[in-house]
């Protein structure tokens, strides 16, 4: 069965994920290093990992399987999950794929190198605010990935 893994620290769409998961009866694993109120929903499991850098990312990448869906904006985590056969959706609705992850990783690494080389860039600009359009785009992308995952599993099991 498809599971949804949520890289939960600073995830603005947790409630939307829970509603969609309930409609499709999918298990949700909310992974963070603490500070989140556990959901009482029977399909939602809260996973607390140690408070060390990238612990949530490591846990997700070790647990995710073919056909699972991962919600994250972390590009290296997205790449690892895609390599494991999972589907990956960013919180703004962007769908990461094998076709676009290489460019996204290269751009991320370039920007990180530029910030490291120029201390003035480290202060950066303002982060883009999360909008209603982002939320709507996310819901559409998640729904699309769930339906695609279920069709792929049906084909593998010989049903239509």
Protein backbone atom coordinates (compact mmCIF):
# COMPACT_ATOMS: atom_id res chain seq x y z
CA UNK A 1 0.00 0.00 0.00
CA UNK A 2 1.18 3.52 -0.79
CA UNK A 3 2.36 5.53 2.21
CA UNK A 4 2.82 9.28 2.38
CA UNK A 5 6.01 10.46 4.10
CA UNK A 6 6.03 14.08 5.24
CA UNK A 7 9.28 15.95 5.88
CA UNK A 8 7.35 17.84 8.52
CA UNK A 9 9.58 20.58 9.86
CA UNK A 10 8.06 23.83 8.58
CA UNK A 11 5.58 22.00 6.33
CA UNK A 12 2.60 24.32 5.74
CA UNK A 13 0.33 21.68 4.18
CA UNK A 14 0.08 18.98 6.86
CA UNK A 15 -3.68 19.41 7.35
CA UNK A 16 -4.25 19.17 3.59
CA UNK A 17 -2.17 15.98 3.47
CA UNK A 18 -4.25 14.46 6.26
CA UNK A 19 -7.54 15.24 4.47
CA UNK A 20 -6.36 13.79 1.16
CA UNK A 21 -4.90 10.72 2.88
CA UNK A 22 -8.17 10.12 4.70
CA UNK A 23 -10.13 10.32 1.45
CA UNK A 24 -7.83 7.69 -0.09
CA UNK A 25 -7.29 5.71 3.14
CA UNK A 26 -3.50 6.08 2.99
CA UNK A 27 -1.09 5.87 5.90
CA UNK A 28 0.83 9.09 6.63
CA UNK A 29 4.19 9.21 8.43
CA UNK A 30 4.95 12.71 9.74
CA UNK A 31 8.70 12.82 10.36
CA UNK A 32 10.40 15.56 12.38
CA UNK A 33 12.90 16.08 15.16
CA UNK A 34 10.22 17.20 17.58
CA UNK A 35 8.10 20.21 18.30
CA UNK A 36 5.00 18.96 16.51
CA UNK A 37 1.72 18.05 18.13
CA UNK A 38 0.95 14.42 17.22
CA UNK A 39 -2.20 13.89 15.19
CA UNK A 40 -4.94 11.79 16.73
CA UNK A 41 -6.03 10.54 13.31
CA UNK A 42 -5.68 6.74 13.05
CA UNK A 43 -3.98 6.94 9.61
CA UNK A 44 -1.33 9.41 10.80
CA UNK A 45 1.79 8.33 12.65
CA UNK A 46 4.23 10.85 14.11
CA UNK A 47 7.88 9.81 13.90
CA UNK A 48 10.34 11.73 16.07
CA UNK A 49 13.98 11.41 15.04
CA UNK A 50 17.09 12.64 16.91
CA UNK A 51 17.71 16.38 16.73
CA UNK A 52 20.80 16.10 14.56
CA UNK A 53 21.09 17.63 11.08
CA UNK A 54 19.31 15.68 8.35
CA UNK A 55 18.05 12.94 10.70
CA UNK A 56 14.51 13.21 9.32
CA UNK A 57 15.82 13.11 5.76
CA UNK A 58 17.93 10.05 6.49
CA UNK A 59 15.02 8.24 8.18
CA UNK A 60 12.67 8.96 5.29
CA UNK A 61 15.19 7.91 2.64
CA UNK A 62 15.80 4.61 4.48
CA UNK A 63 12.09 3.80 4.89
CA UNK A 64 10.57 4.93 1.58
CA UNK A 65 9.70 2.28 -1.01
CA UNK A 66 8.57 2.09 -4.62
CA UNK A 67 5.17 3.73 -5.00
CA UNK A 68 5.33 5.78 -1.80
CA UNK A 69 4.87 9.53 -1.90
CA UNK A 70 7.22 11.96 -0.17
CA UNK A 71 6.33 15.56 0.64
CA UNK A 72 9.48 17.70 0.90
CA UNK A 73 11.21 20.79 -0.43
CA UNK A 74 14.62 19.27 0.37
CA UNK A 75 16.18 18.59 -3.04
CA UNK A 76 18.84 16.05 -1.93
CA UNK A 77 16.13 14.12 -0.07
CA UNK A 78 13.92 14.28 -3.16
CA UNK A 79 16.75 12.81 -5.25
CA UNK A 80 17.28 9.92 -2.81
CA UNK A 81 13.56 9.15 -2.70
CA UNK A 82 13.24 9.23 -6.48
CA UNK A 83 16.16 6.80 -6.69
CA UNK A 84 14.19 4.48 -4.38
CA UNK A 85 11.19 4.58 -6.72
CA UNK A 86 9.07 6.99 -4.69
CA UNK A 87 7.11 9.94 -6.02
CA UNK A 88 8.05 13.35 -4.62
CA UNK A 89 5.98 16.51 -4.31
CA UNK A 90 7.16 19.84 -2.94
CA UNK A 91 4.89 21.78 -0.62
CA UNK A 92 4.21 24.33 -3.37
CA UNK A 93 3.00 21.61 -5.75
CA UNK A 94 6.17 21.14 -7.76
CA UNK A 95 6.57 17.50 -8.75
CA UNK A 96 10.14 16.22 -8.66
CA UNK A 97 10.93 13.62 -11.33
CA UNK A 98 13.94 11.77 -12.67
CA UNK A 99 13.81 14.23 -15.60
CA UNK A 100 14.11 17.40 -13.49
CA UNK A 101 15.96 16.39 -10.32
CA UNK A 102 19.44 16.62 -11.86
CA UNK A 103 18.96 20.26 -12.83
CA UNK A 104 17.38 21.07 -9.46
CA UNK A 105 20.34 19.49 -7.62
CA UNK A 106 22.87 21.30 -9.81
CA UNK A 107 21.16 24.65 -9.26
CA UNK A 108 20.94 24.04 -5.51
CA UNK A 109 24.61 23.10 -5.31
CA UNK A 110 25.64 26.13 -7.39
CA UNK A 111 23.65 28.50 -5.20
CA UNK A 112 25.10 26.90 -2.06
CA UNK A 113 28.63 27.34 -3.43
CA UNK A 114 27.92 30.99 -4.28
CA UNK A 115 26.58 31.66 -0.79
CA UNK A 116 29.63 29.97 0.76
CA UNK A 117 31.95 32.07 -1.42
CA UNK A 118 30.29 35.41 -0.67
CA UNK A 119 29.32 36.12 2.94
CA UNK A 120 27.00 38.92 1.78
CA UNK A 121 24.83 36.36 0.01
CA UNK A 122 24.39 34.35 3.22
CA UNK A 123 21.95 36.90 4.58
CA UNK A 124 19.93 36.24 1.44
CA UNK A 125 16.65 37.80 0.53
CA UNK A 126 13.23 37.20 1.90
CA UNK A 127 11.82 33.73 1.51
CA UNK A 128 8.88 33.59 -0.86
CA UNK A 129 5.63 33.52 1.10
CA UNK A 130 3.33 30.53 0.82
CA UNK A 131 0.17 31.49 -1.09
CA UNK A 132 -3.30 30.10 -1.69
CA UNK A 133 -2.17 29.27 -5.22
CA UNK A 134 0.73 27.22 -3.81
CA UNK A 135 -1.71 25.35 -1.56
CA UNK A 136 -4.07 24.66 -4.46
CA UNK A 137 -1.20 23.57 -6.71
CA UNK A 138 0.02 21.24 -3.95
CA UNK A 139 -3.41 19.61 -3.54
CA UNK A 140 -3.66 19.01 -7.29
CA UNK A 141 -0.14 17.54 -7.44
CA UNK A 142 -0.73 15.26 -4.44
CA UNK A 143 -4.02 14.00 -5.86
CA UNK A 144 -2.33 13.36 -9.21
CA UNK A 145 0.50 11.40 -7.58
CA UNK A 146 -1.88 9.26 -5.52
CA UNK A 147 -3.97 8.38 -8.56
CA UNK A 148 -0.84 7.68 -10.64
CA UNK A 149 0.61 5.46 -7.91
CA UNK A 150 -2.62 3.47 -7.64
CA UNK A 151 -2.79 2.98 -11.43
CA UNK A 152 0.84 1.83 -11.50
CA UNK A 153 0.20 -0.70 -8.71
CA UNK A 154 -2.96 -1.96 -10.46
CA UNK A 155 -0.98 -2.57 -13.68
CA UNK A 156 1.72 -4.47 -11.78
CA UNK A 157 -0.93 -6.68 -10.15
CA UNK A 158 -2.72 -7.37 -13.45
CA UNK A 159 -5.95 -5.51 -12.75
CA UNK A 160 -7.38 -2.42 -14.41
